[in-house]
Amino acid sequence: MNQQKLMSLLGLAQKAGKIVSGDFAVQGAIKSGKARLLIIAADASESTKKEYQHLAAAKNITVFCVLSKEQLGGAIGKALRAAVVITDEGFVKPITLNLQE
């Protein structure tokens, strides 16, 4: 995984309005079916990870645990973020490919 490339892709997705962040917004996007990919910060608490993974599993959404909360937030120009959701398939493929490298 190329961290810098991943952070750039997340930044582009944010500028395009295809990222949802913040606890309630992320949960809402997952429950409503808008979420296509869930990224959880590697340093998020175990209970947070379990909660998000459970929600994502119920909707068959791919989940990755990468970056720190600081990096995840910084990539999208926000404060610390424990999780972000990508809502557009056009961004899911390049982000997933980068994560699988």
N, C-alpha and C. Protein backbone atom coordinates (compact mmCIF):
# COMPACT_ATOMS: atom_id res chain seq x y z
N MET A 1 0.85 -1.19 0.00
CA MET A 1 0.00 0.00 0.00
C MET A 1 0.88 1.24 0.00
N ASN A 2 0.56 2.16 -0.87
CA ASN A 2 1.24 3.44 -0.92
C ASN A 2 0.41 4.44 -0.13
N GLN A 3 0.86 4.79 1.09
CA GLN A 3 0.08 5.67 1.96
C GLN A 3 -0.17 7.03 1.34
N GLN A 4 0.86 7.61 0.72
CA GLN A 4 0.71 8.94 0.15
C GLN A 4 -0.32 8.94 -0.98
N LYS A 5 -0.28 7.90 -1.82
CA LYS A 5 -1.25 7.79 -2.92
C LYS A 5 -2.66 7.60 -2.37
N LEU A 6 -2.78 6.77 -1.33
CA LEU A 6 -4.10 6.56 -0.70
C LEU A 6 -4.65 7.87 -0.16
N MET A 7 -3.81 8.63 0.53
CA MET A 7 -4.26 9.90 1.11
C MET A 7 -4.66 10.89 0.00
N SER A 8 -3.93 10.86 -1.11
CA SER A 8 -4.27 11.73 -2.25
C SER A 8 -5.62 11.33 -2.85
N LEU A 9 -5.84 10.01 -3.00
CA LEU A 9 -7.12 9.52 -3.54
C LEU A 9 -8.28 9.91 -2.62
N LEU A 10 -8.06 9.80 -1.31
CA LEU A 10 -9.11 10.18 -0.36
C LEU A 10 -9.39 11.68 -0.44
N GLY A 11 -8.33 12.47 -0.62
CA GLY A 11 -8.50 13.91 -0.78
C GLY A 11 -9.32 14.26 -2.02
N LEU A 12 -9.03 13.57 -3.12
CA LEU A 12 -9.79 13.80 -4.36
C LEU A 12 -11.25 13.41 -4.18
N ALA A 13 -11.48 12.28 -3.52
CA ALA A 13 -12.85 11.83 -3.29
C ALA A 13 -13.60 12.84 -2.41
N GLN A 14 -12.91 13.40 -1.43
CA GLN A 14 -13.53 14.40 -0.55
C GLN A 14 -13.91 15.64 -1.35
N LYS A 15 -13.00 16.11 -2.20
CA LYS A 15 -13.27 17.29 -3.03
C LYS A 15 -14.43 17.05 -3.97
N ALA A 16 -14.58 15.80 -4.41
CA ALA A 16 -15.68 15.45 -5.31
C ALA A 16 -16.99 15.21 -4.55
N GLY A 17 -16.93 15.28 -3.24
CA GLY A 17 -18.14 15.08 -2.44
C GLY A 17 -18.55 13.62 -2.33
N LYS A 18 -17.60 12.72 -2.47
CA LYS A 18 -17.91 11.29 -2.46
C LYS A 18 -17.44 10.58 -1.19
N ILE A 19 -17.13 11.36 -0.14
CA ILE A 19 -16.73 10.78 1.14
C ILE A 19 -17.67 11.27 2.23
N VAL A 20 -18.04 10.35 3.09
CA VAL A 20 -18.84 10.68 4.27
C VAL A 20 -17.97 10.39 5.47
N SER A 21 -17.90 11.36 6.41
CA SER A 21 -17.10 11.14 7.60
C SER A 21 -17.86 11.65 8.82
N GLY A 22 -17.42 11.22 9.97
CA GLY A 22 -18.13 11.56 11.20
C GLY A 22 -19.01 10.38 11.59
N ASP A 23 -19.04 10.10 12.88
CA ASP A 23 -19.69 8.88 13.38
C ASP A 23 -21.12 8.69 12.87
N PHE A 24 -21.99 9.67 13.10
CA PHE A 24 -23.39 9.50 12.71
C PHE A 24 -23.58 9.46 11.20
N ALA A 25 -22.80 10.26 10.49
CA ALA A 25 -22.90 10.28 9.03
C ALA A 25 -22.44 8.96 8.42
N VAL A 26 -21.36 8.39 8.96
CA VAL A 26 -20.85 7.11 8.46
C VAL A 26 -21.87 6.01 8.72
N GLN A 27 -22.41 5.97 9.94
CA GLN A 27 -23.42 4.96 10.25
C GLN A 27 -24.65 5.12 9.36
N GLY A 28 -25.07 6.35 9.13
CA GLY A 28 -26.22 6.61 8.27
C GLY A 28 -25.99 6.16 6.84
N ALA A 29 -24.78 6.43 6.32
CA ALA A 29 -24.46 6.03 4.94
C ALA A 29 -24.45 4.52 4.81
N ILE A 30 -23.95 3.83 5.82
CA ILE A 30 -23.93 2.37 5.77
C ILE A 30 -25.35 1.82 5.83
N LYS A 31 -26.13 2.30 6.77
CA LYS A 31 -27.49 1.80 6.95
C LYS A 31 -28.39 2.12 5.75
N SER A 32 -28.15 3.26 5.10
CA SER A 32 -28.99 3.64 3.97
C SER A 32 -28.58 2.97 2.66
N GLY A 33 -27.43 2.29 2.67
CA GLY A 33 -26.97 1.61 1.47
C GLY A 33 -26.15 2.47 0.54
N LYS A 34 -25.81 3.70 0.94
CA LYS A 34 -25.01 4.59 0.09
C LYS A 34 -23.53 4.23 0.12
N ALA A 35 -23.09 3.57 1.18
CA ALA A 35 -21.67 3.24 1.35
C ALA A 35 -21.23 2.17 0.36
N ARG A 36 -20.06 2.37 -0.23
CA ARG A 36 -19.48 1.40 -1.15
C ARG A 36 -18.21 0.79 -0.57
N LEU A 37 -17.51 1.55 0.29
CA LEU A 37 -16.26 1.10 0.89
C LEU A 37 -16.10 1.81 2.22
N LEU A 38 -15.69 1.08 3.24
CA LEU A 38 -15.49 1.65 4.58
C LEU A 38 -14.02 1.54 4.94
N ILE A 39 -13.44 2.66 5.35
CA ILE A 39 -12.06 2.65 5.83
C ILE A 39 -12.09 3.07 7.29
N ILE A 40 -11.56 2.19 8.14
CA ILE A 40 -11.50 2.45 9.57
C ILE A 40 -10.04 2.71 9.94
N ALA A 41 -9.80 3.70 10.77
CA ALA A 41 -8.44 4.01 11.23
C ALA A 41 -7.88 2.84 12.01
N ALA A 42 -6.63 2.51 11.74
CA ALA A 42 -5.99 1.37 12.41
C ALA A 42 -5.90 1.58 13.92
N ASP A 43 -5.85 2.85 14.36
CA ASP A 43 -5.73 3.13 15.78
C ASP A 43 -7.07 3.44 16.45
N ALA A 44 -8.17 3.14 15.77
CA ALA A 44 -9.50 3.30 16.37
C ALA A 44 -9.65 2.24 17.46
N SER A 45 -10.51 2.50 18.43
CA SER A 45 -10.70 1.54 19.52
C SER A 45 -11.30 0.24 18.98
N GLU A 46 -11.06 -0.84 19.68
CA GLU A 46 -11.58 -2.14 19.26
C GLU A 46 -13.10 -2.13 19.18
N SER A 47 -13.75 -1.46 20.13
CA SER A 47 -15.22 -1.42 20.10
C SER A 47 -15.72 -0.65 18.88
N THR A 48 -15.02 0.42 18.51
CA THR A 48 -15.39 1.18 17.32
C THR A 48 -15.23 0.32 16.07
N LYS A 49 -14.09 -0.37 15.98
CA LYS A 49 -13.85 -1.24 14.83
C LYS A 49 -14.93 -2.31 14.72
N LYS A 50 -15.24 -2.96 15.83
CA LYS A 50 -16.26 -4.02 15.82
C LYS A 50 -17.61 -3.48 15.39
N GLU A 51 -17.98 -2.31 15.92
CA GLU A 51 -19.28 -1.71 15.59
C GLU A 51 -19.40 -1.44 14.09
N TYR A 52 -18.37 -0.79 13.53
CA TYR A 52 -18.39 -0.48 12.10
C TYR A 52 -18.34 -1.75 11.25
N GLN A 53 -17.51 -2.71 11.64
CA GLN A 53 -17.39 -3.95 10.87
C GLN A 53 -18.70 -4.72 10.88
N HIS A 54 -19.39 -4.70 12.01
CA HIS A 54 -20.69 -5.37 12.10
C HIS A 54 -21.71 -4.71 11.16
N LEU A 55 -21.76 -3.38 11.19
CA LEU A 55 -22.69 -2.66 10.30
C LEU A 55 -22.36 -2.94 8.83
N ALA A 56 -21.07 -2.91 8.49
CA ALA A 56 -20.65 -3.12 7.11
C ALA A 56 -20.94 -4.55 6.65
N ALA A 57 -20.72 -5.51 7.53
CA ALA A 57 -20.97 -6.92 7.18
C ALA A 57 -22.45 -7.14 6.87
N ALA A 58 -23.32 -6.47 7.59
CA ALA A 58 -24.76 -6.61 7.37
C ALA A 58 -25.17 -6.11 5.99
N LYS A 59 -24.41 -5.15 5.45
CA LYS A 59 -24.72 -4.58 4.14
C LYS A 59 -23.74 -5.03 3.05
N ASN A 60 -22.86 -6.00 3.40
CA ASN A 60 -21.89 -6.54 2.44
C ASN A 60 -20.97 -5.47 1.87
N ILE A 61 -20.42 -4.63 2.75
CA ILE A 61 -19.53 -3.55 2.36
C ILE A 61 -18.09 -3.94 2.70
N THR A 62 -17.18 -3.73 1.78
CA THR A 62 -15.77 -4.02 2.00
C THR A 62 -15.20 -3.06 3.04
N VAL A 63 -14.37 -3.60 3.95
CA VAL A 63 -13.79 -2.80 5.03
C VAL A 63 -12.28 -2.96 5.02
N PHE A 64 -11.58 -1.85 5.21
CA PHE A 64 -10.13 -1.85 5.39
C PHE A 64 -9.79 -1.08 6.64
N CYS A 65 -8.83 -1.56 7.41
CA CYS A 65 -8.33 -0.85 8.59
C CYS A 65 -6.92 -0.38 8.27
N VAL A 66 -6.80 0.90 7.94
CA VAL A 66 -5.49 1.47 7.57
C VAL A 66 -5.39 2.90 8.08
N LEU A 67 -4.19 3.41 8.05
CA LEU A 67 -3.86 4.78 8.46
C LEU A 67 -4.23 5.03 9.92
N SER A 68 -3.79 6.15 10.44
CA SER A 68 -4.15 6.54 11.79
C SER A 68 -5.34 7.50 11.70
N LYS A 69 -5.96 7.78 12.82
CA LYS A 69 -7.09 8.73 12.82
C LYS A 69 -6.62 10.09 12.31
N GLU A 70 -5.40 10.46 12.70
CA GLU A 70 -4.85 11.75 12.27
C GLU A 70 -4.64 11.78 10.76
N GLN A 71 -4.06 10.69 10.21
CA GLN A 71 -3.83 10.61 8.76
C GLN A 71 -5.15 10.59 7.99
N LEU A 72 -6.11 9.83 8.49
CA LEU A 72 -7.41 9.71 7.82
C LEU A 72 -8.11 11.06 7.77
N GLY A 73 -8.11 11.76 8.89
CA GLY A 73 -8.71 13.10 8.92
C GLY A 73 -7.94 14.08 8.06
N GLY A 74 -6.62 14.04 8.16
CA GLY A 74 -5.79 14.96 7.38
C GLY A 74 -5.94 14.78 5.89
N ALA A 75 -6.12 13.55 5.46
CA ALA A 75 -6.27 13.24 4.02
C ALA A 75 -7.50 13.92 3.43
N ILE A 76 -8.54 14.09 4.26
CA ILE A 76 -9.78 14.70 3.75
C ILE A 76 -9.97 16.12 4.28
N GLY A 77 -8.93 16.66 4.89
CA GLY A 77 -8.98 18.05 5.35
C GLY A 77 -9.86 18.26 6.57
N LYS A 78 -9.95 17.27 7.42
CA LYS A 78 -10.79 17.36 8.62
C LYS A 78 -9.94 17.04 9.85
N ALA A 79 -10.58 17.12 11.01
CA ALA A 79 -9.92 16.73 12.26
C ALA A 79 -9.81 15.21 12.29
N LEU A 80 -9.42 14.64 13.42
CA LEU A 80 -9.29 13.19 13.55
C LEU A 80 -10.56 12.49 13.10
N ARG A 81 -10.39 11.40 12.35
CA ARG A 81 -11.53 10.61 11.89
C ARG A 81 -11.25 9.13 12.17
N ALA A 82 -12.19 8.47 12.82
CA ALA A 82 -12.05 7.04 13.11
C ALA A 82 -12.46 6.21 11.89
N ALA A 83 -13.34 6.76 11.06
CA ALA A 83 -13.81 6.02 9.89
C ALA A 83 -14.31 6.98 8.82
N VAL A 84 -14.17 6.57 7.57
CA VAL A 84 -14.76 7.30 6.44
C VAL A 84 -15.39 6.29 5.49
N VAL A 85 -16.40 6.75 4.78
CA VAL A 85 -17.10 5.91 3.81
C VAL A 85 -16.95 6.55 2.44
N ILE A 86 -16.63 5.75 1.46
CA ILE A 86 -16.60 6.20 0.07
C ILE A 86 -17.93 5.80 -0.54
N THR A 87 -18.61 6.76 -1.18
CA THR A 87 -19.96 6.50 -1.67
C THR A 87 -20.04 6.35 -3.19
N ASP A 88 -18.89 6.41 -3.88
CA ASP A 88 -18.90 6.37 -5.33
C ASP A 88 -18.01 5.24 -5.85
N GLU A 89 -18.56 4.39 -6.70
CA GLU A 89 -17.81 3.25 -7.26
C GLU A 89 -16.57 3.71 -8.02
N GLY A 90 -16.62 4.88 -8.62
CA GLY A 90 -15.48 5.39 -9.38
C GLY A 90 -14.24 5.57 -8.53
N PHE A 91 -14.41 5.83 -7.24
CA PHE A 91 -13.27 5.98 -6.34
C PHE A 91 -12.94 4.67 -5.63
N VAL A 92 -13.89 3.77 -5.53
CA VAL A 92 -13.68 2.52 -4.81
C VAL A 92 -12.59 1.68 -5.47
N LYS A 93 -12.63 1.56 -6.80
CA LYS A 93 -11.66 0.70 -7.50
C LYS A 93 -10.22 1.16 -7.30
N PRO A 94 -9.88 2.43 -7.57
CA PRO A 94 -8.47 2.82 -7.38
C PRO A 94 -8.02 2.75 -5.92
N ILE A 95 -8.91 3.07 -5.00
CA ILE A 95 -8.55 3.00 -3.58
C ILE A 95 -8.32 1.55 -3.18
N THR A 96 -9.21 0.65 -3.60
CA THR A 96 -9.07 -0.76 -3.28
C THR A 96 -7.79 -1.34 -3.87
N LEU A 97 -7.50 -0.99 -5.13
CA LEU A 97 -6.28 -1.48 -5.77
C LEU A 97 -5.04 -1.01 -5.00
N ASN A 98 -5.05 0.25 -4.57
CA ASN A 98 -3.92 0.79 -3.80
C ASN A 98 -3.78 0.05 -2.47
N LEU A 99 -4.88 -0.24 -1.81
CA LEU A 99 -4.85 -0.91 -0.52
C LEU A 99 -4.37 -2.36 -0.64
N GLN A 100 -4.58 -2.97 -1.80
CA GLN A 100 -4.20 -4.36 -1.99
C GLN A 100 -2.76 -4.53 -2.49
N GLU A 101 -2.09 -3.42 -2.79
CA GLU A 101 -0.70 -3.48 -3.28
C GLU A 101 0.22 -4.01 -2.20
